[in-house]
Amino acid sequence: MLRHLVHPNVLTRITDSEQYGNKYGLAEYMDDLTDAMFKADNDKSVNSIRQNLQLLYTKKLASYLEAKKALPSTKSMALYELNRIKGFAKSKAGDVSTKAHRQHLTLIIEKALEK
């Protein structure tokens, strides 16, 4: 499901539909996805199921930066969301597992930005 939500074709369709009056644009869509993945866990420990979901989402966004089928504007949004996730990962709240998870997220993002 997550693979479909951030697939280059889906993001391109959302971008294209903005030209025809769609009010729910790519920026809002991506913002909502990132919030759904991270916002509820910002001030507490993250359970293992949500950790896996967050890692998968972050990896999908990171790989999206290299996607050949992706529009430059959608890559820009992926980059923006990766930086938002990096901000969420700075939270000091949570148990040791959560802190390790947030370090892992940060490492994935930094590696993606190095390319």
Protein backbone atom coordinates (compact mmCIF):
# COMPACT_ATOMS: atom_id res chain seq x y z
CA MET A 1 0.00 0.00 0.00
CA LEU A 2 2.73 2.44 0.98
CA ARG A 3 4.63 1.66 -2.22
CA HIS A 4 1.56 2.74 -4.18
CA LEU A 5 1.04 5.94 -2.17
CA VAL A 6 4.51 7.25 -3.06
CA HIS A 7 4.85 5.69 -6.51
CA PRO A 8 6.14 8.17 -9.15
CA ASN A 9 3.02 7.65 -11.29
CA VAL A 10 0.71 8.51 -8.38
CA LEU A 11 2.66 11.64 -7.45
CA THR A 12 2.76 12.70 -11.11
CA ARG A 13 -1.02 12.25 -11.40
CA ILE A 14 -1.59 14.36 -8.32
CA THR A 15 0.69 17.05 -9.74
CA ASP A 16 -1.04 16.92 -13.13
CA SER A 17 -4.51 17.04 -11.59
CA GLU A 18 -3.68 20.37 -9.92
CA GLN A 19 -3.77 21.89 -13.41
CA TYR A 20 -7.37 20.78 -13.80
CA GLY A 21 -8.72 22.17 -10.56
CA ASN A 22 -7.74 19.57 -7.96
CA LYS A 23 -7.50 21.47 -4.68
CA TYR A 24 -5.69 18.67 -2.84
CA GLY A 25 -2.23 19.23 -4.23
CA LEU A 26 1.01 17.35 -3.93
CA ALA A 27 2.35 19.49 -1.09
CA GLU A 28 -0.70 18.86 1.07
CA TYR A 29 -0.76 15.15 0.15
CA MET A 30 2.89 14.62 1.08
CA ASP A 31 2.50 16.70 4.24
CA ASP A 32 -0.47 14.55 5.31
CA LEU A 33 1.44 11.31 4.63
CA THR A 34 4.44 12.41 6.66
CA ASP A 35 2.24 13.63 9.51
CA ALA A 36 0.38 10.31 9.55
CA MET A 37 3.68 8.45 9.78
CA PHE A 38 5.43 10.58 12.40
CA LYS A 39 3.40 13.23 14.21
CA ALA A 40 1.66 10.97 16.75
CA ASP A 41 5.02 9.56 17.89
CA ASN A 42 6.91 12.81 18.28
CA ASP A 43 6.67 13.03 22.09
CA LYS A 44 6.84 9.36 23.06
CA SER A 45 8.32 5.96 22.34
CA VAL A 46 7.65 4.48 18.91
CA ASN A 47 6.45 0.87 18.84
CA SER A 48 8.16 -1.63 16.54
CA ILE A 49 5.30 -1.72 14.02
CA ARG A 50 5.41 2.06 13.57
CA GLN A 51 9.21 2.00 13.49
CA ASN A 52 9.08 -0.39 10.54
CA LEU A 53 6.46 1.74 8.80
CA GLN A 54 8.48 4.91 9.34
CA LEU A 55 11.66 3.26 8.07
CA LEU A 56 9.91 1.96 4.97
CA TYR A 57 8.39 5.37 4.22
CA THR A 58 11.72 7.15 4.73
CA LYS A 59 13.54 4.65 2.50
CA LYS A 60 10.88 5.08 -0.21
CA LEU A 61 11.30 8.86 -0.14
CA ALA A 62 15.10 8.52 -0.18
CA SER A 63 15.01 6.20 -3.18
CA TYR A 64 12.52 8.49 -4.87
CA LEU A 65 15.24 11.13 -5.23
CA GLU A 66 16.95 8.77 -7.71
CA ALA A 67 13.78 7.65 -9.54
CA LYS A 68 14.04 8.11 -13.30
CA LYS A 69 10.27 8.36 -13.81
CA ALA A 70 9.84 11.08 -11.19
CA LEU A 71 9.16 14.70 -12.07
CA PRO A 72 11.63 17.23 -10.67
CA SER A 73 8.83 18.92 -8.71
CA THR A 74 7.86 15.66 -7.03
CA LYS A 75 11.51 14.99 -6.17
CA SER A 76 11.55 18.42 -4.53
CA MET A 77 8.62 17.41 -2.35
CA ALA A 78 10.32 14.14 -1.41
CA LEU A 79 13.39 16.12 -0.38
CA TYR A 80 11.26 18.53 1.64
CA GLU A 81 9.56 15.64 3.46
CA LEU A 82 12.89 13.95 4.19
CA ASN A 83 14.01 17.14 5.88
CA ARG A 84 10.76 17.23 7.88
CA ILE A 85 11.39 13.64 8.99
CA LYS A 86 14.89 14.63 10.02
CA GLY A 87 13.26 17.24 12.25
CA PHE A 88 10.95 14.64 13.80
CA ALA A 89 13.97 12.38 14.38
CA LYS A 90 15.60 15.06 16.55
CA SER A 91 13.08 14.41 19.32
CA LYS A 92 14.74 13.26 22.54
CA ALA A 93 11.58 11.57 23.86
CA GLY A 94 11.20 7.83 24.09
CA ASP A 95 12.99 4.69 25.14
CA VAL A 96 16.36 3.42 23.91
CA SER A 97 14.77 1.54 21.01
CA THR A 98 13.09 4.75 19.85
CA LYS A 99 16.33 6.71 20.11
CA ALA A 100 18.13 4.06 18.04
CA HIS A 101 15.30 4.15 15.51
CA ARG A 102 15.55 7.93 15.18
CA GLN A 103 19.32 7.68 14.66
CA HIS A 104 18.66 5.13 11.93
CA LEU A 105 16.18 7.47 10.22
CA THR A 106 18.72 10.30 10.35
CA LEU A 107 21.42 8.07 8.83
CA ILE A 108 19.15 7.03 5.94
CA ILE A 109 18.31 10.66 5.19
CA GLU A 110 21.91 11.86 5.40
CA LYS A 111 23.04 9.11 3.02
CA ALA A 112 20.28 10.03 0.57
CA LEU A 113 21.26 13.68 0.66
CA GLU A 114 24.94 12.86 -0.01
CA LYS A 115 24.15 11.46 -3.45
